[in-house]
Amino acid sequence: MPRGPKGEKRPADVNKNAVLIAKIATGEAADDVPTPESEGKNAAAVALGRMGGKARAASMSARKRKQIAKKAAEKRWKNVR
């Protein structure tokens, strides 16, 4: 769900959400989306975090990826009967 100008979730009530959208459109309220850098996070760490699983998968062999996937599938289907 989209977040409001101060990071809060937008109202679930249709009327309240309409009022908020009208205020944003008229400029009474700002619709700023905080960036990781503005929240005090390290830009390099954020970039590495976005790579995450892709970088990890690229550094592994196909055999190792298969082992991890097999283990995950076993855990996922362990209690399903």
N, C-alpha and C. Protein backbone atom coordinates (compact mmCIF):
# COMPACT_ATOMS: atom_id res chain seq x y z
N MET A 1 0.85 -1.18 0.00
CA MET A 1 0.00 0.00 0.00
C MET A 1 0.89 1.23 0.00
N PRO A 2 0.54 2.28 -0.77
CA PRO A 2 1.37 3.49 -0.81
C PRO A 2 1.44 4.16 0.55
N ARG A 3 2.52 4.85 0.76
CA ARG A 3 2.72 5.56 2.03
C ARG A 3 2.51 7.05 1.81
N GLY A 4 2.09 7.71 2.86
CA GLY A 4 1.81 9.14 2.79
C GLY A 4 3.08 9.97 2.91
N PRO A 5 2.93 11.29 3.00
CA PRO A 5 4.08 12.18 3.01
C PRO A 5 5.01 12.01 4.21
N LYS A 6 4.50 11.55 5.33
CA LYS A 6 5.35 11.38 6.51
C LYS A 6 5.67 9.92 6.76
N GLY A 7 5.48 9.07 5.75
CA GLY A 7 5.80 7.67 5.90
C GLY A 7 4.64 6.83 6.39
N GLU A 8 3.54 7.46 6.78
CA GLU A 8 2.39 6.70 7.26
C GLU A 8 1.63 6.12 6.08
N LYS A 9 0.87 5.08 6.34
CA LYS A 9 0.07 4.50 5.28
C LYS A 9 -1.09 5.43 4.94
N ARG A 10 -1.50 5.39 3.71
CA ARG A 10 -2.63 6.21 3.28
C ARG A 10 -3.89 5.69 3.95
N PRO A 11 -4.88 6.56 4.17
CA PRO A 11 -6.12 6.13 4.82
C PRO A 11 -6.85 5.06 4.00
N ALA A 12 -7.43 4.09 4.71
CA ALA A 12 -8.19 3.05 4.04
C ALA A 12 -9.58 3.56 3.68
N ASP A 13 -10.08 4.53 4.41
CA ASP A 13 -11.39 5.11 4.15
C ASP A 13 -11.34 5.90 2.84
N VAL A 14 -12.29 5.67 1.98
CA VAL A 14 -12.31 6.29 0.66
C VAL A 14 -12.40 7.81 0.76
N ASN A 15 -13.24 8.31 1.66
CA ASN A 15 -13.41 9.76 1.79
C ASN A 15 -12.14 10.43 2.31
N LYS A 16 -11.51 9.83 3.31
CA LYS A 16 -10.28 10.40 3.86
C LYS A 16 -9.17 10.38 2.81
N ASN A 17 -9.12 9.30 2.04
CA ASN A 17 -8.10 9.21 0.99
C ASN A 17 -8.35 10.26 -0.09
N ALA A 18 -9.61 10.51 -0.43
CA ALA A 18 -9.94 11.53 -1.42
C ALA A 18 -9.52 12.91 -0.94
N VAL A 19 -9.74 13.19 0.33
CA VAL A 19 -9.34 14.49 0.90
C VAL A 19 -7.81 14.62 0.83
N LEU A 20 -7.10 13.55 1.18
CA LEU A 20 -5.64 13.59 1.14
C LEU A 20 -5.14 13.83 -0.29
N ILE A 21 -5.73 13.15 -1.25
CA ILE A 21 -5.33 13.32 -2.64
C ILE A 21 -5.61 14.74 -3.11
N ALA A 22 -6.75 15.30 -2.70
CA ALA A 22 -7.07 16.69 -3.07
C ALA A 22 -6.05 17.65 -2.46
N LYS A 23 -5.67 17.42 -1.20
CA LYS A 23 -4.66 18.28 -0.56
C LYS A 23 -3.32 18.18 -1.26
N ILE A 24 -2.95 16.97 -1.69
CA ILE A 24 -1.69 16.81 -2.42
C ILE A 24 -1.77 17.53 -3.75
N ALA A 25 -2.91 17.43 -4.44
CA ALA A 25 -3.07 18.07 -5.75
C ALA A 25 -3.04 19.59 -5.65
N THR A 26 -3.58 20.14 -4.56
CA THR A 26 -3.60 21.60 -4.40
C THR A 26 -2.34 22.14 -3.76
N GLY A 27 -1.49 21.26 -3.26
CA GLY A 27 -0.23 21.70 -2.67
C GLY A 27 -0.30 21.92 -1.17
N GLU A 28 -1.42 21.64 -0.53
CA GLU A 28 -1.53 21.80 0.92
C GLU A 28 -0.70 20.75 1.66
N ALA A 29 -0.58 19.57 1.07
CA ALA A 29 0.22 18.50 1.67
C ALA A 29 1.24 18.04 0.63
N ALA A 30 2.43 17.72 1.09
CA ALA A 30 3.48 17.25 0.18
C ALA A 30 3.40 15.73 0.09
N ASP A 31 3.69 15.22 -1.09
CA ASP A 31 3.68 13.78 -1.30
C ASP A 31 5.12 13.32 -1.54
N ASP A 32 5.97 13.49 -0.55
CA ASP A 32 7.37 13.13 -0.66
C ASP A 32 7.58 11.67 -0.29
N VAL A 33 8.35 10.98 -1.09
CA VAL A 33 8.72 9.60 -0.80
C VAL A 33 10.14 9.63 -0.26
N PRO A 34 10.36 9.16 0.98
CA PRO A 34 11.70 9.23 1.54
C PRO A 34 12.65 8.28 0.83
N THR A 35 13.86 8.75 0.57
CA THR A 35 14.89 7.91 -0.04
C THR A 35 15.72 7.29 1.08
N PRO A 36 16.39 6.18 0.80
CA PRO A 36 17.23 5.57 1.83
C PRO A 36 18.32 6.53 2.34
N GLU A 37 18.86 7.35 1.44
CA GLU A 37 19.90 8.29 1.85
C GLU A 37 19.35 9.34 2.81
N SER A 38 18.09 9.78 2.58
CA SER A 38 17.50 10.79 3.47
C SER A 38 17.16 10.19 4.83
N GLU A 39 17.07 8.87 4.90
CA GLU A 39 16.81 8.21 6.17
C GLU A 39 18.10 7.88 6.91
N GLY A 40 19.25 8.28 6.36
CA GLY A 40 20.53 8.09 7.04
C GLY A 40 21.21 6.77 6.73
N LYS A 41 20.79 6.09 5.65
CA LYS A 41 21.42 4.83 5.30
C LYS A 41 22.58 5.06 4.35
N ASN A 42 23.54 4.16 4.38
CA ASN A 42 24.71 4.25 3.53
C ASN A 42 24.32 3.88 2.10
N ALA A 43 24.66 4.73 1.14
CA ALA A 43 24.27 4.51 -0.26
C ALA A 43 24.89 3.23 -0.82
N ALA A 44 26.13 2.93 -0.45
CA ALA A 44 26.79 1.72 -0.95
C ALA A 44 26.10 0.47 -0.41
N ALA A 45 25.70 0.51 0.85
CA ALA A 45 25.01 -0.64 1.44
C ALA A 45 23.65 -0.84 0.81
N VAL A 46 22.96 0.24 0.49
CA VAL A 46 21.65 0.16 -0.16
C VAL A 46 21.81 -0.47 -1.54
N ALA A 47 22.85 -0.06 -2.29
CA ALA A 47 23.08 -0.61 -3.62
C ALA A 47 23.38 -2.10 -3.55
N LEU A 48 24.19 -2.51 -2.58
CA LEU A 48 24.50 -3.93 -2.43
C LEU A 48 23.26 -4.71 -2.02
N GLY A 49 22.42 -4.13 -1.19
CA GLY A 49 21.20 -4.79 -0.76
C GLY A 49 20.25 -5.02 -1.91
N ARG A 50 20.24 -4.13 -2.89
CA ARG A 50 19.38 -4.29 -4.05
C ARG A 50 19.85 -5.44 -4.93
N MET A 51 21.17 -5.66 -4.96
CA MET A 51 21.71 -6.77 -5.75
C MET A 51 21.37 -8.09 -5.09
N GLY A 52 21.50 -8.15 -3.80
CA GLY A 52 21.16 -9.28 -2.95
C GLY A 52 21.24 -10.65 -3.55
N GLY A 53 20.08 -11.26 -3.79
CA GLY A 53 20.00 -12.64 -4.24
C GLY A 53 20.62 -12.86 -5.61
N LYS A 54 20.53 -11.88 -6.49
CA LYS A 54 21.10 -12.03 -7.83
C LYS A 54 22.62 -12.17 -7.75
N ALA A 55 23.25 -11.33 -6.92
CA ALA A 55 24.69 -11.40 -6.78
C ALA A 55 25.11 -12.71 -6.12
N ARG A 56 24.33 -13.16 -5.15
CA ARG A 56 24.64 -14.41 -4.47
C ARG A 56 24.51 -15.58 -5.44
N ALA A 57 23.44 -15.59 -6.22
CA ALA A 57 23.22 -16.67 -7.17
C ALA A 57 24.30 -16.69 -8.25
N ALA A 58 24.76 -15.53 -8.67
CA ALA A 58 25.78 -15.46 -9.71
C ALA A 58 27.12 -16.00 -9.21
N SER A 59 27.36 -15.89 -7.92
CA SER A 59 28.64 -16.35 -7.38
C SER A 59 28.64 -17.84 -7.03
N MET A 60 27.48 -18.49 -7.07
CA MET A 60 27.39 -19.91 -6.72
C MET A 60 27.41 -20.79 -7.96
N SER A 61 27.80 -22.03 -7.74
CA SER A 61 27.74 -23.01 -8.82
C SER A 61 26.30 -23.50 -8.95
N ALA A 62 26.01 -24.12 -10.09
CA ALA A 62 24.66 -24.64 -10.32
C ALA A 62 24.34 -25.74 -9.30
N ARG A 63 25.33 -26.52 -8.94
CA ARG A 63 25.13 -27.61 -7.98
C ARG A 63 24.72 -27.06 -6.61
N LYS A 64 25.40 -26.00 -6.17
CA LYS A 64 25.10 -25.40 -4.87
C LYS A 64 23.70 -24.77 -4.87
N ARG A 65 23.34 -24.08 -5.98
CA ARG A 65 22.00 -23.50 -6.08
C ARG A 65 20.92 -24.57 -6.01
N LYS A 66 21.19 -25.70 -6.66
CA LYS A 66 20.24 -26.80 -6.66
C LYS A 66 20.07 -27.37 -5.26
N GLN A 67 21.17 -27.49 -4.51
CA GLN A 67 21.09 -28.00 -3.14
C GLN A 67 20.25 -27.07 -2.26
N ILE A 68 20.47 -25.78 -2.39
CA ILE A 68 19.73 -24.80 -1.59
C ILE A 68 18.25 -24.83 -1.96
N ALA A 69 17.95 -24.92 -3.25
CA ALA A 69 16.55 -24.96 -3.68
C ALA A 69 15.86 -26.22 -3.19
N LYS A 70 16.57 -27.33 -3.21
CA LYS A 70 16.00 -28.60 -2.75
C LYS A 70 15.70 -28.55 -1.26
N LYS A 71 16.62 -27.97 -0.50
CA LYS A 71 16.43 -27.84 0.95
C LYS A 71 15.24 -26.93 1.25
N ALA A 72 15.11 -25.83 0.51
CA ALA A 72 14.00 -24.90 0.71
C ALA A 72 12.67 -25.57 0.38
N ALA A 73 12.64 -26.37 -0.69
CA ALA A 73 11.41 -27.05 -1.07
C ALA A 73 11.01 -28.07 -0.01
N GLU A 74 11.98 -28.77 0.55
CA GLU A 74 11.69 -29.74 1.61
C GLU A 74 11.09 -29.05 2.82
N LYS A 75 11.66 -27.92 3.22
CA LYS A 75 11.13 -27.16 4.36
C LYS A 75 9.73 -26.66 4.06
N ARG A 76 9.52 -26.16 2.83
CA ARG A 76 8.24 -25.58 2.46
C ARG A 76 7.13 -26.63 2.48
N TRP A 77 7.43 -27.83 2.04
CA TRP A 77 6.41 -28.87 1.92
C TRP A 77 6.42 -29.87 3.07
N LYS A 78 7.23 -29.60 4.10
CA LYS A 78 7.40 -30.52 5.22
C LYS A 78 6.06 -30.88 5.91
N ASN A 79 5.26 -29.88 6.25
CA ASN A 79 4.03 -30.12 7.02
C ASN A 79 2.78 -30.21 6.16
N VAL A 80 2.91 -30.14 4.86
CA VAL A 80 1.75 -30.19 3.98
C VAL A 80 1.45 -31.65 3.66
N ARG A 81 0.29 -32.09 4.00
CA ARG A 81 -0.11 -33.48 3.72
C ARG A 81 -1.58 -33.53 3.49
